[in-house]
């Protein structure tokens, strides 16, 4: 999982996970939640099951 293109956390998921489920799991991760706290999320790019990039 990346924020502004930099890896902030890693998450092991099933290869068959949907993009919506992967995005929800990324947003629920405490490391990611702490990193984006107080900032506006402009865009979330999901390429399941390998990448979640959060643009703030």
N, C-alpha and C. Protein backbone atom coordinates (compact mmCIF):
# COMPACT_ATOMS: atom_id res chain seq x y z
N UNK A 1 0.84 -1.15 0.00
CA UNK A 1 0.00 0.00 0.00
C UNK A 1 0.90 1.23 0.00
N UNK A 2 0.55 2.17 -0.83
CA UNK A 2 1.35 3.38 -0.98
C UNK A 2 0.52 4.61 -0.68
N UNK A 3 1.21 5.62 -0.18
CA UNK A 3 0.61 6.95 -0.03
C UNK A 3 1.55 7.91 -0.74
N UNK A 4 1.02 8.64 -1.69
CA UNK A 4 1.80 9.55 -2.52
C UNK A 4 2.96 8.84 -3.20
N UNK A 5 2.76 7.57 -3.60
CA UNK A 5 3.76 6.84 -4.34
C UNK A 5 4.84 6.19 -3.51
N UNK A 6 4.78 6.34 -2.18
CA UNK A 6 5.79 5.73 -1.30
C UNK A 6 5.14 4.61 -0.49
N UNK A 7 5.81 3.48 -0.43
CA UNK A 7 5.27 2.32 0.29
C UNK A 7 5.21 2.63 1.77
N UNK A 8 4.04 2.49 2.36
CA UNK A 8 3.83 2.76 3.78
C UNK A 8 3.49 1.49 4.56
N UNK A 9 2.88 0.51 3.88
CA UNK A 9 2.48 -0.72 4.56
C UNK A 9 2.33 -1.83 3.53
N UNK A 10 2.35 -3.05 4.03
CA UNK A 10 2.12 -4.22 3.18
C UNK A 10 0.99 -5.03 3.79
N UNK A 11 0.23 -5.67 2.92
CA UNK A 11 -0.94 -6.42 3.35
C UNK A 11 -1.01 -7.69 2.52
N UNK A 12 -1.16 -8.84 3.17
CA UNK A 12 -1.31 -10.10 2.45
C UNK A 12 -2.79 -10.37 2.23
N UNK A 13 -3.16 -10.56 0.97
CA UNK A 13 -4.55 -10.81 0.61
C UNK A 13 -4.64 -11.97 -0.37
N UNK A 14 -5.83 -12.45 -0.56
CA UNK A 14 -6.09 -13.51 -1.51
C UNK A 14 -5.92 -12.98 -2.94
N UNK A 15 -5.39 -13.79 -3.86
CA UNK A 15 -5.24 -13.34 -5.25
C UNK A 15 -6.57 -13.03 -5.93
N UNK A 16 -7.66 -13.56 -5.39
CA UNK A 16 -8.96 -13.34 -6.01
C UNK A 16 -9.75 -12.21 -5.36
N UNK A 17 -9.11 -11.37 -4.55
CA UNK A 17 -9.82 -10.29 -3.86
C UNK A 17 -10.30 -9.24 -4.87
N UNK A 18 -11.46 -8.68 -4.61
CA UNK A 18 -12.00 -7.65 -5.50
C UNK A 18 -11.34 -6.30 -5.18
N UNK A 19 -11.42 -5.38 -6.12
CA UNK A 19 -10.83 -4.06 -5.91
C UNK A 19 -11.50 -3.32 -4.76
N UNK A 20 -12.80 -3.45 -4.63
CA UNK A 20 -13.53 -2.78 -3.55
C UNK A 20 -13.12 -3.33 -2.19
N UNK A 21 -12.98 -4.65 -2.09
CA UNK A 21 -12.57 -5.26 -0.83
C UNK A 21 -11.14 -4.87 -0.47
N UNK A 22 -10.27 -4.81 -1.47
CA UNK A 22 -8.88 -4.43 -1.23
C UNK A 22 -8.79 -2.97 -0.77
N UNK A 23 -9.57 -2.10 -1.37
CA UNK A 23 -9.58 -0.69 -0.96
C UNK A 23 -10.07 -0.56 0.48
N UNK A 24 -11.12 -1.29 0.83
CA UNK A 24 -11.66 -1.25 2.19
C UNK A 24 -10.64 -1.76 3.20
N UNK A 25 -9.92 -2.82 2.85
CA UNK A 25 -8.90 -3.37 3.74
C UNK A 25 -7.75 -2.38 3.92
N UNK A 26 -7.38 -1.69 2.85
CA UNK A 26 -6.30 -0.70 2.94
C UNK A 26 -6.70 0.46 3.83
N UNK A 27 -7.91 0.95 3.69
CA UNK A 27 -8.36 2.08 4.49
C UNK A 27 -8.53 1.69 5.97
N UNK A 28 -8.79 0.42 6.24
CA UNK A 28 -8.97 -0.04 7.61
C UNK A 28 -7.63 -0.32 8.31
N UNK A 29 -6.54 -0.39 7.56
CA UNK A 29 -5.24 -0.66 8.16
C UNK A 29 -4.83 0.50 9.06
N UNK A 30 -4.42 0.23 10.31
CA UNK A 30 -4.08 1.31 11.24
C UNK A 30 -2.90 2.18 10.79
N UNK A 31 -1.94 1.60 10.11
CA UNK A 31 -0.78 2.37 9.62
C UNK A 31 -1.22 3.38 8.57
N UNK A 32 -2.07 2.95 7.66
CA UNK A 32 -2.56 3.83 6.61
C UNK A 32 -3.48 4.90 7.20
N UNK A 33 -4.35 4.50 8.10
CA UNK A 33 -5.28 5.45 8.72
C UNK A 33 -4.51 6.55 9.45
N UNK A 34 -3.44 6.20 10.14
CA UNK A 34 -2.63 7.19 10.85
C UNK A 34 -1.91 8.11 9.87
N UNK A 35 -1.46 7.57 8.74
CA UNK A 35 -0.72 8.36 7.77
C UNK A 35 -1.59 9.37 7.02
N UNK A 36 -2.87 9.05 6.83
CA UNK A 36 -3.75 9.97 6.09
C UNK A 36 -4.65 10.78 7.01
N UNK A 37 -4.49 10.62 8.31
CA UNK A 37 -5.33 11.34 9.27
C UNK A 37 -5.19 12.85 9.08
N UNK A 38 -6.31 13.52 8.97
CA UNK A 38 -6.33 14.96 8.82
C UNK A 38 -6.12 15.45 7.40
N UNK A 39 -5.95 14.54 6.44
CA UNK A 39 -5.74 14.92 5.05
C UNK A 39 -6.93 14.47 4.21
N UNK A 40 -7.14 15.14 3.11
CA UNK A 40 -8.22 14.79 2.21
C UNK A 40 -7.71 13.80 1.17
N UNK A 41 -8.39 12.66 1.06
CA UNK A 41 -8.02 11.66 0.05
C UNK A 41 -8.61 12.11 -1.27
N UNK A 42 -7.75 12.38 -2.25
CA UNK A 42 -8.22 12.85 -3.55
C UNK A 42 -8.54 11.71 -4.50
N UNK A 43 -7.75 10.64 -4.41
CA UNK A 43 -7.92 9.54 -5.36
C UNK A 43 -7.34 8.28 -4.76
N UNK A 44 -7.97 7.15 -5.05
CA UNK A 44 -7.45 5.85 -4.64
C UNK A 44 -7.33 4.99 -5.89
N UNK A 45 -6.11 4.57 -6.18
CA UNK A 45 -5.84 3.75 -7.36
C UNK A 45 -5.64 2.31 -6.86
N UNK A 46 -6.48 1.40 -7.35
CA UNK A 46 -6.43 0.01 -6.91
C UNK A 46 -6.15 -0.88 -8.11
N UNK A 47 -5.12 -1.69 -8.01
CA UNK A 47 -4.80 -2.71 -9.00
C UNK A 47 -4.70 -4.03 -8.24
N UNK A 48 -5.86 -4.63 -8.03
CA UNK A 48 -5.93 -5.86 -7.22
C UNK A 48 -5.19 -6.97 -7.92
N UNK A 49 -4.52 -7.81 -7.21
CA UNK A 49 -4.25 -7.84 -5.77
C UNK A 49 -2.92 -7.24 -5.39
N UNK A 50 -2.28 -6.46 -6.27
CA UNK A 50 -0.91 -6.04 -6.03
C UNK A 50 -0.73 -4.64 -5.47
N UNK A 51 -1.59 -3.70 -5.79
CA UNK A 51 -1.28 -2.31 -5.47
C UNK A 51 -2.50 -1.53 -5.02
N UNK A 52 -2.29 -0.71 -4.01
CA UNK A 52 -3.25 0.32 -3.62
C UNK A 52 -2.43 1.59 -3.43
N UNK A 53 -2.73 2.63 -4.20
CA UNK A 53 -2.03 3.91 -4.08
C UNK A 53 -3.05 4.95 -3.69
N UNK A 54 -2.81 5.62 -2.57
CA UNK A 54 -3.73 6.64 -2.05
C UNK A 54 -3.09 8.00 -2.30
N UNK A 55 -3.80 8.85 -3.02
CA UNK A 55 -3.31 10.19 -3.33
C UNK A 55 -4.02 11.17 -2.41
N UNK A 56 -3.20 11.89 -1.62
CA UNK A 56 -3.77 12.89 -0.70
C UNK A 56 -3.34 14.26 -1.10
